[in-house]
Amino acid sequence: MLVRINAIALNTFREAIRHRILYLLLIFAVAMISFAQILSLLTVGSEEKIIKDFGLASIDIFGVLTAVFIGIGLVSREIERRTVYTLLAKPLHRFEFILGKFAGLSLTLLVNTTVMAAWFFLVLLLKGMFDWRLLIAVLLLYFQFLLITAVAILFSCLSTPILASVMTLLLYAIGHLLWSLDLLAARLTAGWVKLLCRTVYYVLPNLGTFDIKGEVVHGLAIDATRILWAAAYLALYGSATLWTACAVFERKELQ
């Protein structure tokens, strides 16, 4: 099983790195990180904080876009080109196909994130602003990309590429605003409405778990349990999402 999953993963990685949109997003990310230095000179505030905040935000945005558009595109393209029939005609289970795609996209995101982070750290090193906590911030962002990739694969198994992209991006936005839903539930008095808010809060992915940009930018202490919880949350929620994607793809009628 692992041999088949690894074969799918390597093939997915090779296909992803040949994708033009990957390089376009990477170029934009590097440009935006470089632009942070110019932006810091045009705005009022600490230059170091602005560069760190803008750099991490650039890695976040372009990493998510890569996970969404590359992830959904590669899965849907296999179905549209009917190459999935050739793969599934071999001794390959459908769940192995999904897991292989996820592994290949995870490797692609690792390379993509490493390149963006390396350029970001180089800029900070040249300006004498490097902080080791930035490594933790980037690591948690990568955890977030993995979770978004799992969600993107799930939606690509459920709907068309365009709708899957929109739904994944909406879920990304909602995932960073779930804290407001928790506050709303605490203020509500109606029992059933409060229960509904709590249910939605725990069902949807809480992407704020992976966001420590504020702590890093402002030099605040980072609790080690925060990192462990983020890793555990990725393992639990990501596994559940991938299991659902595998179950959906098992029952999907390929035309």
C-alpha atoms as a PDB file:
ATOM      1  CA  MET A   1       0.000   0.000   0.000  1.00  0.00           C
ATOM      2  CA  LEU A   2       2.733   2.467   0.963  1.00  0.00           C
ATOM      3  CA  VAL A   3       4.565   1.786  -2.289  1.00  0.00           C
ATOM      4  CA  ARG A   4       1.463   2.668  -4.328  1.00  0.00           C
ATOM      5  CA  ILE A   5       0.757   5.783  -2.265  1.00  0.00           C
ATOM      6  CA  ASN A   6       4.375   6.916  -2.646  1.00  0.00           C
ATOM      7  CA  ALA A   7       4.200   6.394  -6.417  1.00  0.00           C
ATOM      8  CA  ILE A   8       1.069   8.568  -6.645  1.00  0.00           C
ATOM      9  CA  ALA A   9       2.678  11.165  -4.354  1.00  0.00           C
ATOM     10  CA  LEU A  10       5.867  11.442  -6.440  1.00  0.00           C
ATOM     11  CA  ASN A  11       3.884  11.662  -9.663  1.00  0.00           C
ATOM     12  CA  THR A  12       1.679  14.379  -8.121  1.00  0.00           C
ATOM     13  CA  PHE A  13       4.737  16.306  -6.955  1.00  0.00           C
ATOM     14  CA  ARG A  14       6.336  16.152 -10.416  1.00  0.00           C
ATOM     15  CA  GLU A  15       3.121  17.355 -12.021  1.00  0.00           C
ATOM     16  CA  ALA A  16       2.650  20.137  -9.473  1.00  0.00           C
ATOM     17  CA  ILE A  17       6.136  21.606  -9.884  1.00  0.00           C
ATOM     18  CA  ARG A  18       5.516  21.817 -13.640  1.00  0.00           C
ATOM     19  CA  HIS A  19       2.346  23.814 -13.041  1.00  0.00           C
ATOM     20  CA  ARG A  20       2.733  27.413 -14.235  1.00  0.00           C
ATOM     21  CA  ILE A  21       0.433  28.862 -11.600  1.00  0.00           C
ATOM     22  CA  LEU A  22       2.762  27.526  -8.883  1.00  0.00           C
ATOM     23  CA  TYR A  23       5.639  29.631 -10.153  1.00  0.00           C
ATOM     24  CA  LEU A  24       3.367  32.624 -10.698  1.00  0.00           C
ATOM     25  CA  LEU A  25       2.162  32.478  -7.093  1.00  0.00           C
ATOM     26  CA  LEU A  26       5.722  31.963  -5.863  1.00  0.00           C
ATOM     27  CA  ILE A  27       6.973  35.002  -7.789  1.00  0.00           C
ATOM     28  CA  PHE A  28       4.152  37.142  -6.407  1.00  0.00           C
ATOM     29  CA  ALA A  29       4.907  35.920  -2.865  1.00  0.00           C
ATOM     30  CA  VAL A  30       8.613  36.784  -3.150  1.00  0.00           C
ATOM     31  CA  ALA A  31       7.702  40.182  -4.647  1.00  0.00           C
ATOM     32  CA  MET A  32       5.263  40.931  -1.818  1.00  0.00           C
ATOM     33  CA  ILE A  33       7.814  39.963   0.828  1.00  0.00           C
ATOM     34  CA  SER A  34      10.340  42.281  -0.828  1.00  0.00           C
ATOM     35  CA  PHE A  35       7.696  45.019  -1.023  1.00  0.00           C
ATOM     36  CA  ALA A  36       7.365  44.877   2.771  1.00  0.00           C
ATOM     37  CA  GLN A  37      10.636  46.773   3.097  1.00  0.00           C
ATOM     38  CA  ILE A  38       9.311  49.580   0.905  1.00  0.00           C
ATOM     39  CA  LEU A  39       5.972  49.580   2.727  1.00  0.00           C
ATOM     40  CA  SER A  40       7.725  49.978   6.077  1.00  0.00           C
ATOM     41  CA  LEU A  41       9.241  53.254   4.864  1.00  0.00           C
ATOM     42  CA  LEU A  42       5.871  54.639   3.753  1.00  0.00           C
ATOM     43  CA  THR A  43       3.842  53.828   6.867  1.00  0.00           C
ATOM     44  CA  VAL A  44       3.972  55.041  10.436  1.00  0.00           C
ATOM     45  CA  GLY A  45       5.119  52.449  12.956  1.00  0.00           C
ATOM     46  CA  SER A  46       7.942  50.085  13.760  1.00  0.00           C
ATOM     47  CA  GLU A  47       9.759  49.036  10.599  1.00  0.00           C
ATOM     48  CA  GLU A  48      10.567  45.626  12.076  1.00  0.00           C
ATOM     49  CA  LYS A  49       6.953  44.885  13.021  1.00  0.00           C
ATOM     50  CA  ILE A  50       5.635  45.939   9.616  1.00  0.00           C
ATOM     51  CA  ILE A  51       8.148  43.808   7.704  1.00  0.00           C
ATOM     52  CA  LYS A  52       7.507  40.731   9.882  1.00  0.00           C
ATOM     53  CA  ASP A  53       3.723  41.117   9.772  1.00  0.00           C
ATOM     54  CA  PHE A  54       3.596  41.725   6.015  1.00  0.00           C
ATOM     55  CA  GLY A  55       6.050  38.910   5.303  1.00  0.00           C
ATOM     56  CA  LEU A  56       4.140  36.324   7.333  1.00  0.00           C
ATOM     57  CA  ALA A  57       0.845  37.490   5.820  1.00  0.00           C
ATOM     58  CA  SER A  58       2.303  37.061   2.314  1.00  0.00           C
ATOM     59  CA  ILE A  59       3.439  33.515   3.086  1.00  0.00           C
ATOM     60  CA  ASP A  60      -0.005  32.787   4.544  1.00  0.00           C
ATOM     61  CA  ILE A  61      -2.024  34.107   1.598  1.00  0.00           C
ATOM     62  CA  PHE A  62       0.071  32.663  -1.212  1.00  0.00           C
ATOM     63  CA  GLY A  63       0.501  29.348   0.567  1.00  0.00           C
ATOM     64  CA  VAL A  64      -3.277  28.997   0.874  1.00  0.00           C
ATOM     65  CA  LEU A  65      -3.788  29.976  -2.765  1.00  0.00           C
ATOM     66  CA  THR A  66      -1.274  27.312  -3.783  1.00  0.00           C
ATOM     67  CA  ALA A  67      -3.035  24.693  -1.657  1.00  0.00           C
ATOM     68  CA  VAL A  68      -6.426  25.598  -3.131  1.00  0.00           C
ATOM     69  CA  PHE A  69      -5.736  26.054  -6.828  1.00  0.00           C
ATOM     70  CA  ILE A  70      -3.026  23.431  -7.238  1.00  0.00           C
ATOM     71  CA  GLY A  71      -4.764  20.921  -4.968  1.00  0.00           C
ATOM     72  CA  ILE A  72      -8.176  21.159  -6.570  1.00  0.00           C
ATOM     73  CA  GLY A  73      -6.750  21.406 -10.080  1.00  0.00           C
ATOM     74  CA  LEU A  74      -4.661  18.257  -9.893  1.00  0.00           C
ATOM     75  CA  VAL A  75      -7.488  16.057  -8.594  1.00  0.00           C
ATOM     76  CA  SER A  76     -10.148  17.401 -10.961  1.00  0.00           C
ATOM     77  CA  ARG A  77      -7.768  17.240 -13.932  1.00  0.00           C
ATOM     78  CA  GLU A  78      -7.254  13.513 -13.369  1.00  0.00           C
ATOM     79  CA  ILE A  79     -11.014  13.031 -13.599  1.00  0.00           C
ATOM     80  CA  GLU A  80     -11.527  15.343 -16.588  1.00  0.00           C
ATOM     81  CA  ARG A  81      -8.697  13.759 -18.583  1.00  0.00           C
ATOM     82  CA  ARG A  82      -9.932  10.285 -17.583  1.00  0.00           C
ATOM     83  CA  THR A  83      -6.396   9.350 -16.541  1.00  0.00           C
ATOM     84  CA  VAL A  84      -7.880   8.258 -13.228  1.00  0.00           C
ATOM     85  CA  TYR A  85      -9.435   5.279 -15.060  1.00  0.00           C
ATOM     86  CA  THR A  86      -5.978   4.075 -16.059  1.00  0.00           C
ATOM     87  CA  LEU A  87      -4.732   4.395 -12.489  1.00  0.00           C
ATOM     88  CA  LEU A  88      -7.729   2.694 -10.909  1.00  0.00           C
ATOM     89  CA  ALA A  89      -7.583  -0.116 -13.469  1.00  0.00           C
ATOM     90  CA  LYS A  90      -4.311  -1.124 -11.818  1.00  0.00           C
ATOM     91  CA  PRO A  91      -4.189  -2.722  -8.336  1.00  0.00           C
ATOM     92  CA  LEU A  92      -4.802   0.680  -6.742  1.00  0.00           C
ATOM     93  CA  HIS A  93      -7.563   1.438  -4.257  1.00  0.00           C
ATOM     94  CA  ARG A  94      -9.403   4.721  -4.468  1.00  0.00           C
ATOM     95  CA  PHE A  95      -8.365   5.756  -0.965  1.00  0.00           C
ATOM     96  CA  GLU A  96      -4.728   5.201  -1.949  1.00  0.00           C
ATOM     97  CA  PHE A  97      -5.238   7.607  -4.842  1.00  0.00           C
ATOM     98  CA  ILE A  98      -6.569  10.307  -2.484  1.00  0.00           C
ATOM     99  CA  LEU A  99      -3.841   9.773   0.103  1.00  0.00           C
ATOM    100  CA  GLY A 100      -1.175   9.796  -2.606  1.00  0.00           C
ATOM    101  CA  LYS A 101      -2.499  13.080  -3.973  1.00  0.00           C
ATOM    102  CA  PHE A 102      -2.479  14.583  -0.490  1.00  0.00           C
ATOM    103  CA  ALA A 103       1.088  13.406   0.163  1.00  0.00           C
ATOM    104  CA  GLY A 104       2.315  14.791  -3.162  1.00  0.00           C
ATOM    105  CA  LEU A 105       0.634  18.150  -2.568  1.00  0.00           C
ATOM    106  CA  SER A 106       2.041  18.254   0.969  1.00  0.00           C
ATOM    107  CA  LEU A 107       5.550  17.833  -0.460  1.00  0.00           C
ATOM    108  CA  THR A 108       4.853  20.577  -3.010  1.00  0.00           C
ATOM    109  CA  LEU A 109       3.676  22.922  -0.270  1.00  0.00           C
ATOM    110  CA  LEU A 110       6.742  22.093   1.808  1.00  0.00           C
ATOM    111  CA  VAL A 111       9.037  23.147  -1.039  1.00  0.00           C
ATOM    112  CA  ASN A 112       6.916  26.221  -1.780  1.00  0.00           C
ATOM    113  CA  THR A 113       6.809  27.308   1.869  1.00  0.00           C
ATOM    114  CA  THR A 114      10.543  26.702   2.296  1.00  0.00           C
ATOM    115  CA  VAL A 115      11.364  28.958  -0.665  1.00  0.00           C
ATOM    116  CA  MET A 116       9.099  31.762   0.589  1.00  0.00           C
ATOM    117  CA  ALA A 117      10.398  31.449   4.154  1.00  0.00           C
ATOM    118  CA  ALA A 118      14.039  31.371   3.014  1.00  0.00           C
ATOM    119  CA  TRP A 119      13.619  34.631   1.101  1.00  0.00           C
ATOM    120  CA  PHE A 120      11.753  36.183   4.047  1.00  0.00           C
ATOM    121  CA  PHE A 121      14.461  35.158   6.512  1.00  0.00           C
ATOM    122  CA  LEU A 122      17.182  36.435   4.172  1.00  0.00           C
ATOM    123  CA  VAL A 123      15.538  39.865   4.092  1.00  0.00           C
ATOM    124  CA  LEU A 124      15.317  39.901   7.886  1.00  0.00           C
ATOM    125  CA  LEU A 125      18.903  38.682   8.348  1.00  0.00           C
ATOM    126  CA  LEU A 126      20.230  41.427   6.077  1.00  0.00           C
ATOM    127  CA  LYS A 127      18.384  43.987   8.183  1.00  0.00           C
ATOM    128  CA  GLY A 128      19.351  42.355  11.499  1.00  0.00           C
ATOM    129  CA  MET A 129      15.734  41.603  12.441  1.00  0.00           C
ATOM    130  CA  PHE A 130      15.636  37.816  12.445  1.00  0.00           C
ATOM    131  CA  ASP A 131      13.752  36.161  15.310  1.00  0.00           C
ATOM    132  CA  TRP A 132      13.824  32.381  15.863  1.00  0.00           C
ATOM    133  CA  ARG A 133      10.100  32.464  16.708  1.00  0.00           C
ATOM    134  CA  LEU A 134       9.451  33.173  13.042  1.00  0.00           C
ATOM    135  CA  LEU A 135      10.391  29.540  12.383  1.00  0.00           C
ATOM    136  CA  ILE A 136       7.537  28.420  14.631  1.00  0.00           C
ATOM    137  CA  ALA A 137       5.129  30.833  12.937  1.00  0.00           C
ATOM    138  CA  VAL A 138       6.029  29.474   9.491  1.00  0.00           C
ATOM    139  CA  LEU A 139       5.754  25.885  10.743  1.00  0.00           C
ATOM    140  CA  LEU A 140       2.209  26.530  12.000  1.00  0.00           C
ATOM    141  CA  LEU A 141       1.342  28.193   8.702  1.00  0.00           C
ATOM    142  CA  TYR A 142       2.507  25.026   6.955  1.00  0.00           C
ATOM    143  CA  PHE A 143       0.226  23.005   9.259  1.00  0.00           C
ATOM    144  CA  GLN A 144      -2.604  25.257   8.130  1.00  0.00           C
ATOM    145  CA  PHE A 145      -1.734  24.676   4.469  1.00  0.00           C
ATOM    146  CA  LEU A 146      -1.939  20.918   5.027  1.00  0.00           C
ATOM    147  CA  LEU A 147      -5.392  21.241   6.558  1.00  0.00           C
ATOM    148  CA  ILE A 148      -6.575  23.499   3.723  1.00  0.00           C
ATOM    149  CA  THR A 149      -5.212  20.956   1.229  1.00  0.00           C
ATOM    150  CA  ALA A 150      -7.262  18.187   2.855  1.00  0.00           C
ATOM    151  CA  VAL A 151     -10.370  20.392   2.697  1.00  0.00           C
ATOM    152  CA  ALA A 152      -9.661  21.296  -0.946  1.00  0.00           C
ATOM    153  CA  ILE A 153      -9.354  17.616  -1.891  1.00  0.00           C
ATOM    154  CA  LEU A 154     -12.639  16.865  -0.111  1.00  0.00           C
ATOM    155  CA  PHE A 155     -14.482  19.626  -1.962  1.00  0.00           C
ATOM    156  CA  SER A 156     -12.913  18.571  -5.272  1.00  0.00           C
ATOM    157  CA  CYS A 157     -14.480  15.127  -4.735  1.00  0.00           C
ATOM    158  CA  LEU A 158     -17.868  16.708  -4.057  1.00  0.00           C
ATOM    159  CA  SER A 159     -18.246  19.406  -6.706  1.00  0.00           C
ATOM    160  CA  THR A 160     -16.807  21.176  -9.748  1.00  0.00           C
ATOM    161  CA  PRO A 161     -13.339  22.810  -9.584  1.00  0.00           C
ATOM    162  CA  ILE A 162     -14.708  26.381  -9.529  1.00  0.00           C
ATOM    163  CA  LEU A 163     -17.251  25.683  -6.802  1.00  0.00           C
ATOM    164  CA  ALA A 164     -14.691  23.692  -4.822  1.00  0.00           C
ATOM    165  CA  SER A 165     -12.241  26.609  -4.985  1.00  0.00           C
ATOM    166  CA  VAL A 166     -14.876  29.102  -3.826  1.00  0.00           C
ATOM    167  CA  MET A 167     -16.028  26.844  -0.990  1.00  0.00           C
ATOM    168  CA  THR A 168     -12.462  26.230   0.210  1.00  0.00           C
ATOM    169  CA  LEU A 169     -11.577  29.933   0.195  1.00  0.00           C
ATOM    170  CA  LEU A 170     -14.804  30.749   2.040  1.00  0.00           C
ATOM    171  CA  LEU A 171     -14.011  28.109   4.633  1.00  0.00           C
ATOM    172  CA  TYR A 172     -10.533  29.590   4.994  1.00  0.00           C
ATOM    173  CA  ALA A 173     -12.027  33.017   5.699  1.00  0.00           C
ATOM    174  CA  ILE A 174     -14.623  31.599   8.093  1.00  0.00           C
ATOM    175  CA  GLY A 175     -11.978  29.518   9.854  1.00  0.00           C
ATOM    176  CA  HIS A 176     -10.138  32.697  10.842  1.00  0.00           C
ATOM    177  CA  LEU A 177     -13.339  34.336  12.126  1.00  0.00           C
ATOM    178  CA  LEU A 178     -14.600  31.491  14.311  1.00  0.00           C
ATOM    179  CA  TRP A 179     -13.463  33.329  17.437  1.00  0.00           C
ATOM    180  CA  SER A 180     -16.339  35.784  16.893  1.00  0.00           C
ATOM    181  CA  LEU A 181     -18.817  32.875  16.807  1.00  0.00           C
ATOM    182  CA  ASP A 182     -17.489  31.667  20.155  1.00  0.00           C
ATOM    183  CA  LEU A 183     -17.998  35.138  21.626  1.00  0.00           C
ATOM    184  CA  LEU A 184     -21.506  35.258  20.190  1.00  0.00           C
ATOM    185  CA  ALA A 185     -22.397  31.902  21.761  1.00  0.00           C
ATOM    186  CA  ALA A 186     -21.210  33.182  25.154  1.00  0.00           C
ATOM    187  CA  ARG A 187     -23.549  36.186  24.913  1.00  0.00           C
ATOM    188  CA  LEU A 188     -26.646  34.314  23.730  1.00  0.00           C
ATOM    189  CA  THR A 189     -29.391  33.290  26.125  1.00  0.00           C
ATOM    190  CA  ALA A 190     -31.536  31.032  23.899  1.00  0.00           C
ATOM    191  CA  GLY A 191     -30.409  27.457  24.513  1.00  0.00           C
ATOM    192  CA  TRP A 192     -30.935  26.028  21.031  1.00  0.00           C
ATOM    193  CA  VAL A 193     -29.262  28.995  19.300  1.00  0.00           C
ATOM    194  CA  LYS A 194     -26.318  28.739  21.667  1.00  0.00           C
ATOM    195  CA  LEU A 195     -26.064  25.009  20.968  1.00  0.00           C
ATOM    196  CA  LEU A 196     -26.166  25.688  17.215  1.00  0.00           C
ATOM    197  CA  CYS A 197     -23.360  28.228  17.466  1.00  0.00           C
ATOM    198  CA  ARG A 198     -21.269  25.840  19.547  1.00  0.00           C
ATOM    199  CA  THR A 199     -21.864  23.017  17.058  1.00  0.00           C
ATOM    200  CA  VAL A 200     -20.828  25.144  14.092  1.00  0.00           C
ATOM    201  CA  TYR A 201     -17.810  26.372  16.061  1.00  0.00           C
ATOM    202  CA  TYR A 202     -16.532  22.839  16.649  1.00  0.00           C
ATOM    203  CA  VAL A 203     -17.476  21.398  13.229  1.00  0.00           C
ATOM    204  CA  LEU A 204     -15.778  24.053  11.094  1.00  0.00           C
ATOM    205  CA  PRO A 205     -11.967  24.197  11.035  1.00  0.00           C
ATOM    206  CA  ASN A 206     -10.596  26.674  13.564  1.00  0.00           C
ATOM    207  CA  LEU A 207      -7.677  28.104  11.609  1.00  0.00           C
ATOM    208  CA  GLY A 208      -6.900  30.573  14.365  1.00  0.00           C
ATOM    209  CA  THR A 209      -5.162  27.629  16.034  1.00  0.00           C
ATOM    210  CA  PHE A 210      -2.321  28.004  13.528  1.00  0.00           C
ATOM    211  CA  ASP A 211      -2.057  31.795  13.662  1.00  0.00           C
ATOM    212  CA  ILE A 212       0.597  33.205  15.991  1.00  0.00           C
ATOM    213  CA  LYS A 213       1.601  36.131  13.803  1.00  0.00           C
ATOM    214  CA  GLY A 214       0.488  38.623  16.445  1.00  0.00           C
ATOM    215  CA  GLU A 215       2.612  37.039  19.173  1.00  0.00           C
ATOM    216  CA  VAL A 216       5.690  36.853  16.951  1.00  0.00           C
ATOM    217  CA  VAL A 217       5.390  40.371  15.540  1.00  0.00           C
ATOM    218  CA  HIS A 218       4.899  41.967  18.965  1.00  0.00           C
ATOM    219  CA  GLY A 219       7.549  39.852  20.681  1.00  0.00           C
ATOM    220  CA  LEU A 220       5.181  38.011  23.011  1.00  0.00           C
ATOM    221  CA  ALA A 221       5.953  34.640  24.568  1.00  0.00           C
ATOM    222  CA  ILE A 222       4.733  31.532  22.735  1.00  0.00           C
ATOM    223  CA  ASP A 223       3.366  28.725  24.887  1.00  0.00           C
ATOM    224  CA  ALA A 224       4.756  25.305  23.924  1.00  0.00           C
ATOM    225  CA  THR A 225       1.316  23.776  24.447  1.00  0.00           C
ATOM    226  CA  ARG A 226       0.038  26.002  21.636  1.00  0.00           C
ATOM    227  CA  ILE A 227       2.355  24.237  19.195  1.00  0.00           C
ATOM    228  CA  LEU A 228       1.427  20.785  20.487  1.00  0.00           C
ATOM    229  CA  TRP A 229      -2.270  21.594  20.276  1.00  0.00           C
ATOM    230  CA  ALA A 230      -1.868  22.859  16.697  1.00  0.00           C
ATOM    231  CA  ALA A 231      -0.131  19.604  15.701  1.00  0.00           C
ATOM    232  CA  ALA A 232      -2.805  17.509  17.439  1.00  0.00           C
ATOM    233  CA  TYR A 233      -5.599  19.548  15.834  1.00  0.00           C
ATOM    234  CA  LEU A 234      -4.068  19.050  12.387  1.00  0.00           C
ATOM    235  CA  ALA A 235      -3.750  15.305  12.985  1.00  0.00           C
ATOM    236  CA  LEU A 236      -7.337  14.909  14.216  1.00  0.00           C
ATOM    237  CA  TYR A 237      -9.205  17.296  11.922  1.00  0.00           C
ATOM    238  CA  GLY A 238      -7.003  16.562   8.921  1.00  0.00           C
ATOM    239  CA  SER A 239      -7.420  12.805   9.333  1.00  0.00           C
ATOM    240  CA  ALA A 240     -11.202  13.170   9.628  1.00  0.00           C
ATOM    241  CA  THR A 241     -11.304  15.345   6.507  1.00  0.00           C
ATOM    242  CA  LEU A 242      -9.162  12.938   4.478  1.00  0.00           C
ATOM    243  CA  TRP A 243     -11.224   9.961   5.685  1.00  0.00           C
ATOM    244  CA  THR A 244     -14.374  11.754   4.499  1.00  0.00           C
ATOM    245  CA  ALA A 245     -12.743  12.559   1.152  1.00  0.00           C
ATOM    246  CA  CYS A 246     -11.767   8.894   0.708  1.00  0.00           C
ATOM    247  CA  ALA A 247     -15.307   7.774   1.585  1.00  0.00           C
ATOM    248  CA  VAL A 248     -16.837  10.242  -0.895  1.00  0.00           C
ATOM    249  CA  PHE A 249     -14.416   9.251  -3.662  1.00  0.00           C
ATOM    250  CA  GLU A 250     -15.142   5.549  -3.065  1.00  0.00           C
ATOM    251  CA  ARG A 251     -18.809   6.213  -3.886  1.00  0.00           C
ATOM    252  CA  LYS A 252     -18.214   8.782  -6.611  1.00  0.00           C
ATOM    253  CA  GLU A 253     -19.416   7.790 -10.080  1.00  0.00           C
ATOM    254  CA  LEU A 254     -16.633   8.637 -12.531  1.00  0.00           C
ATOM    255  CA  GLN A 255     -17.931   9.597 -15.941  1.00  0.00           C
END
